[in-house]
Amino acid sequence: MPTPSGVLIARHPSQLYEASLEGLLLFAALWWFTLKPRPRLAPTGLFLLLYGCARFTVEWVRLPDADIGYLIGQWLTMGMLLTTPMIFIGAGMMIYAYRRNAATGNLGAVKA
């Protein structure tokens, strides 16, 4: 994309990164995880954890919103700030699920 001075700026295809990480990779990981017996709440925790990590990762190469910009230095964006609680909540749910180890409730599944 040319700037007002006519210089071309290379940009990352962040939409493709998001489609790969938040779409294909997240779907494959959750599908593989839910094929075997697991505690209740573990898939939800894993989804929040992986989705938050994927969003946080893509935010490194995405340009911040023009009206907000960077919040701290030249690296922390609003997207990173908003996905951080999702990562911690997902990790907390995974810890809680495996400590509690309640049956999954899915038909045919056996308590791990």
PDB file of N, CA and C in Angstrom:
ATOM      1  N   MET A   1       0.853  -1.180   0.000  1.00  0.00           N
ATOM      2  CA  MET A   1       0.000   0.000   0.000  1.00  0.00           C
ATOM      3  C   MET A   1       0.896   1.239   0.000  1.00  0.00           C
ATOM      4  N   PRO A   2       0.698   2.124  -0.968  1.00  0.00           N
ATOM      5  CA  PRO A   2       1.562   3.306  -1.025  1.00  0.00           C
ATOM      6  C   PRO A   2       1.183   4.340   0.039  1.00  0.00           C
ATOM      7  N   THR A   3       2.168   4.998   0.572  1.00  0.00           N
ATOM      8  CA  THR A   3       1.966   6.086   1.531  1.00  0.00           C
ATOM      9  C   THR A   3       1.833   7.385   0.753  1.00  0.00           C
ATOM     10  N   PRO A   4       1.499   8.504   1.424  1.00  0.00           N
ATOM     11  CA  PRO A   4       1.424   9.784   0.703  1.00  0.00           C
ATOM     12  C   PRO A   4       2.720  10.157  -0.005  1.00  0.00           C
ATOM     13  N   SER A   5       3.857   9.675   0.511  1.00  0.00           N
ATOM     14  CA  SER A   5       5.135   9.995  -0.138  1.00  0.00           C
ATOM     15  C   SER A   5       5.424   9.051  -1.309  1.00  0.00           C
ATOM     16  N   GLY A   6       4.551   8.056  -1.543  1.00  0.00           N
ATOM     17  CA  GLY A   6       4.726   7.144  -2.665  1.00  0.00           C
ATOM     18  C   GLY A   6       5.518   5.894  -2.335  1.00  0.00           C
ATOM     19  N   VAL A   7       5.945   5.723  -1.078  1.00  0.00           N
ATOM     20  CA  VAL A   7       6.727   4.565  -0.672  1.00  0.00           C
ATOM     21  C   VAL A   7       5.778   3.405  -0.380  1.00  0.00           C
ATOM     22  N   LEU A   8       6.120   2.231  -0.883  1.00  0.00           N
ATOM     23  CA  LEU A   8       5.310   1.049  -0.613  1.00  0.00           C
ATOM     24  C   LEU A   8       5.699   0.451   0.731  1.00  0.00           C
ATOM     25  N   ILE A   9       4.693   0.039   1.499  1.00  0.00           N
ATOM     26  CA  ILE A   9       4.923  -0.568   2.811  1.00  0.00           C
ATOM     27  C   ILE A   9       4.435  -2.009   2.766  1.00  0.00           C
ATOM     28  N   ALA A  10       5.313  -2.942   3.125  1.00  0.00           N
ATOM     29  CA  ALA A  10       4.918  -4.351   3.179  1.00  0.00           C
ATOM     30  C   ALA A  10       4.073  -4.584   4.427  1.00  0.00           C
ATOM     31  N   ARG A  11       3.040  -5.365   4.295  1.00  0.00           N
ATOM     32  CA  ARG A  11       2.161  -5.674   5.424  1.00  0.00           C
ATOM     33  C   ARG A  11       1.979  -7.178   5.520  1.00  0.00           C
ATOM     34  N   HIS A  12       1.745  -7.626   6.747  1.00  0.00           N
ATOM     35  CA  HIS A  12       1.455  -9.040   6.970  1.00  0.00           C
ATOM     36  C   HIS A  12       0.008  -9.339   6.575  1.00  0.00           C
ATOM     37  N   PRO A  13      -0.237 -10.517   6.000  1.00  0.00           N
ATOM     38  CA  PRO A  13      -1.620 -10.909   5.702  1.00  0.00           C
ATOM     39  C   PRO A  13      -2.288 -11.454   6.970  1.00  0.00           C
ATOM     40  N   SER A  14      -2.602 -10.566   7.907  1.00  0.00           N
ATOM     41  CA  SER A  14      -3.099 -10.992   9.215  1.00  0.00           C
ATOM     42  C   SER A  14      -4.423 -11.745   9.126  1.00  0.00           C
ATOM     43  N   GLN A  15      -5.221 -11.461   8.103  1.00  0.00           N
ATOM     44  CA  GLN A  15      -6.470 -12.196   7.949  1.00  0.00           C
ATOM     45  C   GLN A  15      -6.200 -13.677   7.661  1.00  0.00           C
ATOM     46  N   LEU A  16      -5.161 -13.952   6.896  1.00  0.00           N
ATOM     47  CA  LEU A  16      -4.796 -15.345   6.618  1.00  0.00           C
ATOM     48  C   LEU A  16      -4.241 -16.015   7.866  1.00  0.00           C
ATOM     49  N   TYR A  17      -3.476 -15.273   8.651  1.00  0.00           N
ATOM     50  CA  TYR A  17      -2.971 -15.818   9.910  1.00  0.00           C
ATOM     51  C   TYR A  17      -4.130 -16.161  10.843  1.00  0.00           C
ATOM     52  N   GLU A  18      -5.102 -15.253  10.925  1.00  0.00           N
ATOM     53  CA  GLU A  18      -6.266 -15.502  11.782  1.00  0.00           C
ATOM     54  C   GLU A  18      -7.061 -16.699  11.299  1.00  0.00           C
ATOM     55  N   ALA A  19      -7.269 -16.806   9.998  1.00  0.00           N
ATOM     56  CA  ALA A  19      -8.019 -17.949   9.459  1.00  0.00           C
ATOM     57  C   ALA A  19      -7.291 -19.255   9.759  1.00  0.00           C
ATOM     58  N   SER A  20      -5.974 -19.237   9.668  1.00  0.00           N
ATOM     59  CA  SER A  20      -5.196 -20.449   9.933  1.00  0.00           C
ATOM     60  C   SER A  20      -5.202 -20.819  11.408  1.00  0.00           C
ATOM     61  N   LEU A  21      -4.899 -19.846  12.265  1.00  0.00           N
ATOM     62  CA  LEU A  21      -4.798 -20.129  13.699  1.00  0.00           C
ATOM     63  C   LEU A  21      -6.158 -20.292  14.373  1.00  0.00           C
ATOM     64  N   GLU A  22      -7.042 -19.319  14.164  1.00  0.00           N
ATOM     65  CA  GLU A  22      -8.328 -19.321  14.853  1.00  0.00           C
ATOM     66  C   GLU A  22      -9.358 -20.199  14.167  1.00  0.00           C
ATOM     67  N   GLY A  23      -9.088 -20.582  12.931  1.00  0.00           N
ATOM     68  CA  GLY A  23     -10.021 -21.430  12.210  1.00  0.00           C
ATOM     69  C   GLY A  23      -9.547 -22.866  12.159  1.00  0.00           C
ATOM     70  N   LEU A  24      -8.613 -23.124  11.277  1.00  0.00           N
ATOM     71  CA  LEU A  24      -8.175 -24.499  11.033  1.00  0.00           C
ATOM     72  C   LEU A  24      -7.474 -25.141  12.227  1.00  0.00           C
ATOM     73  N   LEU A  25      -6.471 -24.465  12.768  1.00  0.00           N
ATOM     74  CA  LEU A  25      -5.706 -25.045  13.872  1.00  0.00           C
ATOM     75  C   LEU A  25      -6.562 -25.224  15.128  1.00  0.00           C
ATOM     76  N   LEU A  26      -7.370 -24.225  15.463  1.00  0.00           N
ATOM     77  CA  LEU A  26      -8.237 -24.315  16.641  1.00  0.00           C
ATOM     78  C   LEU A  26      -9.263 -25.425  16.469  1.00  0.00           C
ATOM     79  N   PHE A  27      -9.867 -25.516  15.299  1.00  0.00           N
ATOM     80  CA  PHE A  27     -10.840 -26.579  15.041  1.00  0.00           C
ATOM     81  C   PHE A  27     -10.199 -27.952  15.168  1.00  0.00           C
ATOM     82  N   ALA A  28      -9.026 -28.135  14.553  1.00  0.00           N
ATOM     83  CA  ALA A  28      -8.340 -29.429  14.601  1.00  0.00           C
ATOM     84  C   ALA A  28      -7.962 -29.796  16.037  1.00  0.00           C
ATOM     85  N   ALA A  29      -7.456 -28.844  16.789  1.00  0.00           N
ATOM     86  CA  ALA A  29      -7.056 -29.121  18.176  1.00  0.00           C
ATOM     87  C   ALA A  29      -8.256 -29.495  19.034  1.00  0.00           C
ATOM     88  N   LEU A  30      -9.351 -28.761  18.896  1.00  0.00           N
ATOM     89  CA  LEU A  30     -10.542 -29.076  19.688  1.00  0.00           C
ATOM     90  C   LEU A  30     -11.169 -30.399  19.265  1.00  0.00           C
ATOM     91  N   TRP A  31     -11.164 -30.678  17.992  1.00  0.00           N
ATOM     92  CA  TRP A  31     -11.719 -31.944  17.523  1.00  0.00           C
ATOM     93  C   TRP A  31     -10.903 -33.108  18.072  1.00  0.00           C
ATOM     94  N   TRP A  32      -9.585 -33.018  17.965  1.00  0.00           N
ATOM     95  CA  TRP A  32      -8.717 -34.072  18.481  1.00  0.00           C
ATOM     96  C   TRP A  32      -8.906 -34.224  19.994  1.00  0.00           C
ATOM     97  N   PHE A  33      -9.014 -33.105  20.715  1.00  0.00           N
ATOM     98  CA  PHE A  33      -9.148 -33.131  22.174  1.00  0.00           C
ATOM     99  C   PHE A  33     -10.468 -33.757  22.604  1.00  0.00           C
ATOM    100  N   THR A  34     -11.539 -33.504  21.860  1.00  0.00           N
ATOM    101  CA  THR A  34     -12.850 -34.009  22.264  1.00  0.00           C
ATOM    102  C   THR A  34     -13.115 -35.436  21.793  1.00  0.00           C
ATOM    103  N   LEU A  35     -12.213 -36.032  21.034  1.00  0.00           N
ATOM    104  CA  LEU A  35     -12.395 -37.424  20.622  1.00  0.00           C
ATOM    105  C   LEU A  35     -12.184 -38.405  21.768  1.00  0.00           C
ATOM    106  N   LYS A  36     -11.438 -38.012  22.757  1.00  0.00           N
ATOM    107  CA  LYS A  36     -11.144 -38.908  23.882  1.00  0.00           C
ATOM    108  C   LYS A  36     -11.860 -38.406  25.133  1.00  0.00           C
ATOM    109  N   PRO A  37     -12.023 -39.256  26.124  1.00  0.00           N
ATOM    110  CA  PRO A  37     -12.680 -38.812  27.370  1.00  0.00           C
ATOM    111  C   PRO A  37     -11.882 -37.697  28.038  1.00  0.00           C
ATOM    112  N   ARG A  38     -12.623 -36.736  28.571  1.00  0.00           N
ATOM    113  CA  ARG A  38     -11.994 -35.591  29.238  1.00  0.00           C
ATOM    114  C   ARG A  38     -12.971 -35.055  30.274  1.00  0.00           C
ATOM    115  N   PRO A  39     -12.488 -34.292  31.222  1.00  0.00           N
ATOM    116  CA  PRO A  39     -13.371 -33.740  32.253  1.00  0.00           C
ATOM    117  C   PRO A  39     -14.316 -32.678  31.693  1.00  0.00           C
ATOM    118  N   ARG A  40     -15.419 -32.501  32.368  1.00  0.00           N
ATOM    119  CA  ARG A  40     -16.368 -31.447  32.002  1.00  0.00           C
ATOM    120  C   ARG A  40     -15.680 -30.093  32.138  1.00  0.00           C
ATOM    121  N   LEU A  41     -15.992 -29.168  31.299  1.00  0.00           N
ATOM    122  CA  LEU A  41     -15.452 -27.806  31.194  1.00  0.00           C
ATOM    123  C   LEU A  41     -14.083 -27.742  30.519  1.00  0.00           C
ATOM    124  N   ALA A  42     -13.414 -28.866  30.332  1.00  0.00           N
ATOM    125  CA  ALA A  42     -12.087 -28.846  29.714  1.00  0.00           C
ATOM    126  C   ALA A  42     -12.127 -28.350  28.259  1.00  0.00           C
ATOM    127  N   PRO A  43     -13.079 -28.786  27.422  1.00  0.00           N
ATOM    128  CA  PRO A  43     -13.099 -28.251  26.046  1.00  0.00           C
ATOM    129  C   PRO A  43     -13.338 -26.744  25.996  1.00  0.00           C
ATOM    130  N   THR A  44     -14.197 -26.239  26.864  1.00  0.00           N
ATOM    131  CA  THR A  44     -14.444 -24.799  26.895  1.00  0.00           C
ATOM    132  C   THR A  44     -13.186 -24.054  27.331  1.00  0.00           C
ATOM    133  N   GLY A  45     -12.525 -24.566  28.352  1.00  0.00           N
ATOM    134  CA  GLY A  45     -11.283 -23.953  28.811  1.00  0.00           C
ATOM    135  C   GLY A  45     -10.211 -23.977  27.740  1.00  0.00           C
ATOM    136  N   LEU A  46     -10.109 -25.105  27.035  1.00  0.00           N
ATOM    137  CA  LEU A  46      -9.110 -25.210  25.974  1.00  0.00           C
ATOM    138  C   LEU A  46      -9.433 -24.246  24.834  1.00  0.00           C
ATOM    139  N   PHE A  47     -10.718 -24.116  24.482  1.00  0.00           N
ATOM    140  CA  PHE A  47     -11.111 -23.167  23.439  1.00  0.00           C
ATOM    141  C   PHE A  47     -10.701 -21.749  23.826  1.00  0.00           C
ATOM    142  N   LEU A  48     -11.047 -21.322  25.041  1.00  0.00           N
ATOM    143  CA  LEU A  48     -10.705 -19.966  25.471  1.00  0.00           C
ATOM    144  C   LEU A  48      -9.190 -19.750  25.489  1.00  0.00           C
ATOM    145  N   LEU A  49      -8.473 -20.728  25.974  1.00  0.00           N
ATOM    146  CA  LEU A  49      -7.017 -20.633  26.055  1.00  0.00           C
ATOM    147  C   LEU A  49      -6.388 -20.531  24.661  1.00  0.00           C
ATOM    148  N   LEU A  50      -6.757 -21.441  23.760  1.00  0.00           N
ATOM    149  CA  LEU A  50      -6.159 -21.445  22.425  1.00  0.00           C
ATOM    150  C   LEU A  50      -6.611 -20.253  21.582  1.00  0.00           C
ATOM    151  N   TYR A  51      -7.890 -19.898  21.678  1.00  0.00           N
ATOM    152  CA  TYR A  51      -8.386 -18.759  20.903  1.00  0.00           C
ATOM    153  C   TYR A  51      -7.724 -17.469  21.379  1.00  0.00           C
ATOM    154  N   GLY A  52      -7.595 -17.319  22.688  1.00  0.00           N
ATOM    155  CA  GLY A  52      -6.937 -16.137  23.232  1.00  0.00           C
ATOM    156  C   GLY A  52      -5.477 -16.063  22.816  1.00  0.00           C
ATOM    157  N   CYS A  53      -4.781 -17.193  22.857  1.00  0.00           N
ATOM    158  CA  CYS A  53      -3.376 -17.216  22.440  1.00  0.00           C
ATOM    159  C   CYS A  53      -3.227 -16.918  20.950  1.00  0.00           C
ATOM    160  N   ALA A  54      -4.141 -17.458  20.138  1.00  0.00           N
ATOM    161  CA  ALA A  54      -4.093 -17.193  18.701  1.00  0.00           C
ATOM    162  C   ALA A  54      -4.331 -15.714  18.422  1.00  0.00           C
ATOM    163  N   ARG A  55      -5.327 -15.125  19.073  1.00  0.00           N
ATOM    164  CA  ARG A  55      -5.612 -13.698  18.875  1.00  0.00           C
ATOM    165  C   ARG A  55      -4.439 -12.841  19.330  1.00  0.00           C
ATOM    166  N   PHE A  56      -3.871 -13.178  20.484  1.00  0.00           N
ATOM    167  CA  PHE A  56      -2.736 -12.425  21.013  1.00  0.00           C
ATOM    168  C   PHE A  56      -1.559 -12.493  20.040  1.00  0.00           C
ATOM    169  N   THR A  57      -1.316 -13.679  19.483  1.00  0.00           N
ATOM    170  CA  THR A  57      -0.208 -13.870  18.550  1.00  0.00           C
ATOM    171  C   THR A  57      -0.400 -13.046  17.279  1.00  0.00           C
ATOM    172  N   VAL A  58      -1.600 -13.054  16.730  1.00  0.00           N
ATOM    173  CA  VAL A  58      -1.856 -12.313  15.493  1.00  0.00           C
ATOM    174  C   VAL A  58      -1.761 -10.810  15.736  1.00  0.00           C
ATOM    175  N   GLU A  59      -2.065 -10.377  16.940  1.00  0.00           N
ATOM    176  CA  GLU A  59      -1.984  -8.942  17.247  1.00  0.00           C
ATOM    177  C   GLU A  59      -0.562  -8.401  17.125  1.00  0.00           C
ATOM    178  N   TRP A  60       0.452  -9.270  17.212  1.00  0.00           N
ATOM    179  CA  TRP A  60       1.834  -8.820  17.067  1.00  0.00           C
ATOM    180  C   TRP A  60       2.098  -8.276  15.668  1.00  0.00           C
ATOM    181  N   VAL A  61       1.431  -8.831  14.646  1.00  0.00           N
ATOM    182  CA  VAL A  61       1.693  -8.409  13.276  1.00  0.00           C
ATOM    183  C   VAL A  61       0.594  -7.510  12.709  1.00  0.00           C
ATOM    184  N   ARG A  62      -0.518  -7.405  13.401  1.00  0.00           N
ATOM    185  CA  ARG A  62      -1.617  -6.546  12.952  1.00  0.00           C
ATOM    186  C   ARG A  62      -1.340  -5.096  13.295  1.00  0.00           C
ATOM    187  N   LEU A  63      -1.753  -4.199  12.437  1.00  0.00           N
ATOM    188  CA  LEU A  63      -1.645  -2.774  12.757  1.00  0.00           C
ATOM    189  C   LEU A  63      -2.764  -2.408  13.723  1.00  0.00           C
ATOM    190  N   PRO A  64      -2.464  -1.622  14.747  1.00  0.00           N
ATOM    191  CA  PRO A  64      -3.522  -1.242  15.690  1.00  0.00           C
ATOM    192  C   PRO A  64      -4.528  -0.290  15.051  1.00  0.00           C
ATOM    193  N   ASP A  65      -5.691  -0.178  15.664  1.00  0.00           N
ATOM    194  CA  ASP A  65      -6.706   0.755  15.166  1.00  0.00           C
ATOM    195  C   ASP A  65      -6.124   2.169  15.147  1.00  0.00           C
ATOM    196  N   ALA A  66      -6.453   2.912  14.115  1.00  0.00           N
ATOM    197  CA  ALA A  66      -5.890   4.252  13.936  1.00  0.00           C
ATOM    198  C   ALA A  66      -6.274   5.192  15.073  1.00  0.00           C
ATOM    199  N   ASP A  67      -7.490   5.068  15.586  1.00  0.00           N
ATOM    200  CA  ASP A  67      -7.933   5.981  16.645  1.00  0.00           C
ATOM    201  C   ASP A  67      -7.416   5.591  18.025  1.00  0.00           C
ATOM    202  N   ILE A  68      -6.954   4.345  18.192  1.00  0.00           N
ATOM    203  CA  ILE A  68      -6.460   3.897  19.503  1.00  0.00           C
ATOM    204  C   ILE A  68      -4.936   3.826  19.520  1.00  0.00           C
ATOM    205  N   GLY A  69      -4.356   3.233  18.502  1.00  0.00           N
ATOM    206  CA  GLY A  69      -2.905   3.100  18.434  1.00  0.00           C
ATOM    207  C   GLY A  69      -2.388   2.095  19.458  1.00  0.00           C
ATOM    208  N   TYR A  70      -1.135   2.241  19.811  1.00  0.00           N
ATOM    209  CA  TYR A  70      -0.523   1.371  20.819  1.00  0.00           C
ATOM    210  C   TYR A  70      -0.815   1.945  22.197  1.00  0.00           C
ATOM    211  N   LEU A  71      -1.066   1.064  23.159  1.00  0.00           N
ATOM    212  CA  LEU A  71      -1.377   1.514  24.517  1.00  0.00           C
ATOM    213  C   LEU A  71      -0.118   1.727  25.347  1.00  0.00           C
ATOM    214  N   ILE A  72       0.824   0.809  25.236  1.00  0.00           N
ATOM    215  CA  ILE A  72       2.086   0.913  25.975  1.00  0.00           C
ATOM    216  C   ILE A  72       3.220   0.687  24.982  1.00  0.00           C
ATOM    217  N   GLY A  73       4.132   1.625  24.919  1.00  0.00           N
ATOM    218  CA  GLY A  73       5.276   1.486  24.022  1.00  0.00           C
ATOM    219  C   GLY A  73       4.822   1.310  22.589  1.00  0.00           C
ATOM    220  N   GLN A  74       5.511   0.469  21.877  1.00  0.00           N
ATOM    221  CA  GLN A  74       5.166   0.171  20.486  1.00  0.00           C
ATOM    222  C   GLN A  74       4.806  -1.295  20.319  1.00  0.00           C
ATOM    223  N   TRP A  75       4.145  -1.884  21.345  1.00  0.00           N
ATOM    224  CA  TRP A  75       3.830  -3.298  21.222  1.00  0.00           C
ATOM    225  C   TRP A  75       2.466  -3.682  21.783  1.00  0.00           C
ATOM    226  N   LEU A  76       1.937  -3.043  22.819  1.00  0.00           N
ATOM    227  CA  LEU A  76       0.678  -3.470  23.429  1.00  0.00           C
ATOM    228  C   LEU A  76      -0.504  -2.796  22.745  1.00  0.00           C
ATOM    229  N   THR A  77      -1.359  -3.613  22.134  1.00  0.00           N
ATOM    230  CA  THR A  77      -2.544  -3.091  21.462  1.00  0.00           C
ATOM    231  C   THR A  77      -3.785  -3.401  22.303  1.00  0.00           C
ATOM    232  N   MET A  78      -4.897  -2.790  21.949  1.00  0.00           N
ATOM    233  CA  MET A  78      -6.152  -3.049  22.648  1.00  0.00           C
ATOM    234  C   MET A  78      -6.569  -4.506  22.481  1.00  0.00           C
ATOM    235  N   GLY A  79      -6.313  -5.100  21.320  1.00  0.00           N
ATOM    236  CA  GLY A  79      -6.627  -6.511  21.095  1.00  0.00           C
ATOM    237  C   GLY A  79      -5.883  -7.417  22.063  1.00  0.00           C
ATOM    238  N   MET A  80      -4.614  -7.123  22.311  1.00  0.00           N
ATOM    239  CA  MET A  80      -3.831  -7.912  23.274  1.00  0.00           C
ATOM    240  C   MET A  80      -4.400  -7.761  24.673  1.00  0.00           C
ATOM    241  N   LEU A  81      -4.738  -6.540  25.024  1.00  0.00           N
ATOM    242  CA  LEU A  81      -5.281  -6.276  26.360  1.00  0.00           C
ATOM    243  C   LEU A  81      -6.609  -6.990  26.573  1.00  0.00           C
ATOM    244  N   LEU A  82      -7.440  -7.025  25.553  1.00  0.00           N
ATOM    245  CA  LEU A  82      -8.761  -7.643  25.691  1.00  0.00           C
ATOM    246  C   LEU A  82      -8.720  -9.170  25.640  1.00  0.00           C
ATOM    247  N   THR A  83      -7.699  -9.758  25.017  1.00  0.00           N
ATOM    248  CA  THR A  83      -7.618 -11.214  24.977  1.00  0.00           C
ATOM    249  C   THR A  83      -6.862 -11.803  26.165  1.00  0.00           C
ATOM    250  N   THR A  84      -6.142 -10.986  26.907  1.00  0.00           N
ATOM    251  CA  THR A  84      -5.409 -11.488  28.074  1.00  0.00           C
ATOM    252  C   THR A  84      -6.324 -12.138  29.114  1.00  0.00           C
ATOM    253  N   PRO A  85      -7.465 -11.522  29.494  1.00  0.00           N
ATOM    254  CA  PRO A  85      -8.354 -12.209  30.441  1.00  0.00           C
ATOM    255  C   PRO A  85      -8.891 -13.526  29.894  1.00  0.00           C
ATOM    256  N   MET A  86      -9.111 -13.605  28.584  1.00  0.00           N
ATOM    257  CA  MET A  86      -9.596 -14.844  27.981  1.00  0.00           C
ATOM    258  C   MET A  86      -8.581 -15.972  28.170  1.00  0.00           C
ATOM    259  N   ILE A  87      -7.308 -15.656  28.024  1.00  0.00           N
ATOM    260  CA  ILE A  87      -6.255 -16.651  28.203  1.00  0.00           C
ATOM    261  C   ILE A  87      -6.237 -17.137  29.648  1.00  0.00           C
ATOM    262  N   PHE A  88      -6.296 -16.203  30.600  1.00  0.00           N
ATOM    263  CA  PHE A  88      -6.262 -16.587  32.010  1.00  0.00           C
ATOM    264  C   PHE A  88      -7.515 -17.353  32.437  1.00  0.00           C
ATOM    265  N   ILE A  89      -8.671 -16.951  31.930  1.00  0.00           N
ATOM    266  CA  ILE A  89      -9.911 -17.663  32.262  1.00  0.00           C
ATOM    267  C   ILE A  89      -9.873 -19.077  31.678  1.00  0.00           C
ATOM    268  N   GLY A  90      -9.404 -19.216  30.446  1.00  0.00           N
ATOM    269  CA  GLY A  90      -9.286 -20.542  29.834  1.00  0.00           C
ATOM    270  C   GLY A  90      -8.328 -21.439  30.591  1.00  0.00           C
ATOM    271  N   ALA A  91      -7.181 -20.896  30.990  1.00  0.00           N
ATOM    272  CA  ALA A  91      -6.215 -21.686  31.766  1.00  0.00           C
ATOM    273  C   ALA A  91      -6.808 -22.062  33.117  1.00  0.00           C
ATOM    274  N   GLY A  92      -7.520 -21.131  33.745  1.00  0.00           N
ATOM    275  CA  GLY A  92      -8.166 -21.420  35.029  1.00  0.00           C
ATOM    276  C   GLY A  92      -9.234 -22.488  34.904  1.00  0.00           C
ATOM    277  N   MET A  93      -9.995 -22.443  33.818  1.00  0.00           N
ATOM    278  CA  MET A  93     -11.018 -23.470  33.606  1.00  0.00           C
ATOM    279  C   MET A  93     -10.397 -24.837  33.385  1.00  0.00           C
ATOM    280  N   MET A  94      -9.272 -24.890  32.672  1.00  0.00           N
ATOM    281  CA  MET A  94      -8.583 -26.172  32.462  1.00  0.00           C
ATOM    282  C   MET A  94      -8.075 -26.733  33.786  1.00  0.00           C
ATOM    283  N   ILE A  95      -7.473 -25.887  34.600  1.00  0.00           N
ATOM    284  CA  ILE A  95      -6.983 -26.331  35.909  1.00  0.00           C
ATOM    285  C   ILE A  95      -8.141 -26.827  36.770  1.00  0.00           C
ATOM    286  N   TYR A  96      -9.217 -26.043  36.800  1.00  0.00           N
ATOM    287  CA  TYR A  96     -10.400 -26.426  37.586  1.00  0.00           C
ATOM    288  C   TYR A  96     -10.995 -27.733  37.081  1.00  0.00           C
ATOM    289  N   ALA A  97     -11.103 -27.888  35.773  1.00  0.00           N
ATOM    290  CA  ALA A  97     -11.702 -29.094  35.194  1.00  0.00           C
ATOM    291  C   ALA A  97     -10.903 -30.339  35.552  1.00  0.00           C
ATOM    292  N   TYR A  98      -9.582 -30.260  35.455  1.00  0.00           N
ATOM    293  CA  TYR A  98      -8.770 -31.442  35.728  1.00  0.00           C
ATOM    294  C   TYR A  98      -8.638 -31.728  37.225  1.00  0.00           C
ATOM    295  N   ARG A  99      -8.729 -30.707  38.054  1.00  0.00           N
ATOM    296  CA  ARG A  99      -8.717 -30.961  39.499  1.00  0.00           C
ATOM    297  C   ARG A  99     -10.031 -31.568  39.960  1.00  0.00           C
ATOM    298  N   ARG A 100     -11.134 -31.075  39.380  1.00  0.00           N
ATOM    299  CA  ARG A 100     -12.462 -31.567  39.742  1.00  0.00           C
ATOM    300  C   ARG A 100     -12.709 -32.939  39.122  1.00  0.00           C
ATOM    301  N   ASN A 101     -12.288 -33.121  37.867  1.00  0.00           N
ATOM    302  CA  ASN A 101     -12.375 -34.384  37.124  1.00  0.00           C
ATOM    303  C   ASN A 101     -13.793 -34.956  37.088  1.00  0.00           C
ATOM    304  N   ALA A 102     -14.779 -34.110  36.817  1.00  0.00           N
ATOM    305  CA  ALA A 102     -16.167 -34.559  36.698  1.00  0.00           C
ATOM    306  C   ALA A 102     -16.360 -35.223  35.339  1.00  0.00           C
ATOM    307  N   ALA A 103     -17.283 -36.176  35.277  1.00  0.00           N
ATOM    308  CA  ALA A 103     -17.568 -36.878  34.029  1.00  0.00           C
ATOM    309  C   ALA A 103     -18.028 -35.874  32.975  1.00  0.00           C
ATOM    310  N   THR A 104     -17.705 -36.170  31.723  1.00  0.00           N
ATOM    311  CA  THR A 104     -17.975 -35.243  30.638  1.00  0.00           C
ATOM    312  C   THR A 104     -19.449 -35.065  30.324  1.00  0.00           C
ATOM    313  N   GLY A 105     -20.274 -36.077  30.514  1.00  0.00           N
ATOM    314  CA  GLY A 105     -21.679 -35.961  30.202  1.00  0.00           C
ATOM    315  C   GLY A 105     -21.997 -36.330  28.778  1.00  0.00           C
ATOM    316  N   ASN A 106     -21.008 -36.562  27.934  1.00  0.00           N
ATOM    317  CA  ASN A 106     -21.238 -36.982  26.558  1.00  0.00           C
ATOM    318  C   ASN A 106     -21.621 -38.453  26.521  1.00  0.00           C
ATOM    319  N   LEU A 107     -22.497 -38.813  25.607  1.00  0.00           N
ATOM    320  CA  LEU A 107     -22.901 -40.200  25.481  1.00  0.00           C
ATOM    321  C   LEU A 107     -21.724 -41.059  25.051  1.00  0.00           C
ATOM    322  N   GLY A 108     -21.564 -42.183  25.675  1.00  0.00           N
ATOM    323  CA  GLY A 108     -20.500 -43.106  25.309  1.00  0.00           C
ATOM    324  C   GLY A 108     -19.144 -42.781  25.902  1.00  0.00           C
ATOM    325  N   ALA A 109     -19.009 -41.641  26.540  1.00  0.00           N
ATOM    326  CA  ALA A 109     -17.721 -41.274  27.123  1.00  0.00           C
ATOM    327  C   ALA A 109     -17.584 -41.909  28.501  1.00  0.00           C
ATOM    328  N   VAL A 110     -16.373 -42.232  28.843  1.00  0.00           N
ATOM    329  CA  VAL A 110     -16.074 -42.846  30.123  1.00  0.00           C
ATOM    330  C   VAL A 110     -15.291 -41.850  30.962  1.00  0.00           C
ATOM    331  N   LYS A 111     -15.561 -41.839  32.260  1.00  0.00           N
ATOM    332  CA  LYS A 111     -14.821 -40.914  33.140  1.00  0.00           C
ATOM    333  C   LYS A 111     -13.342 -41.271  33.109  1.00  0.00           C
ATOM    334  N   ALA A 112     -12.529 -40.249  32.854  1.00  0.00           N
ATOM    335  CA  ALA A 112     -11.079 -40.466  32.748  1.00  0.00           C
ATOM    336  C   ALA A 112     -10.447 -40.657  34.106  1.00  0.00           C
TER     337      ALA A 112
END
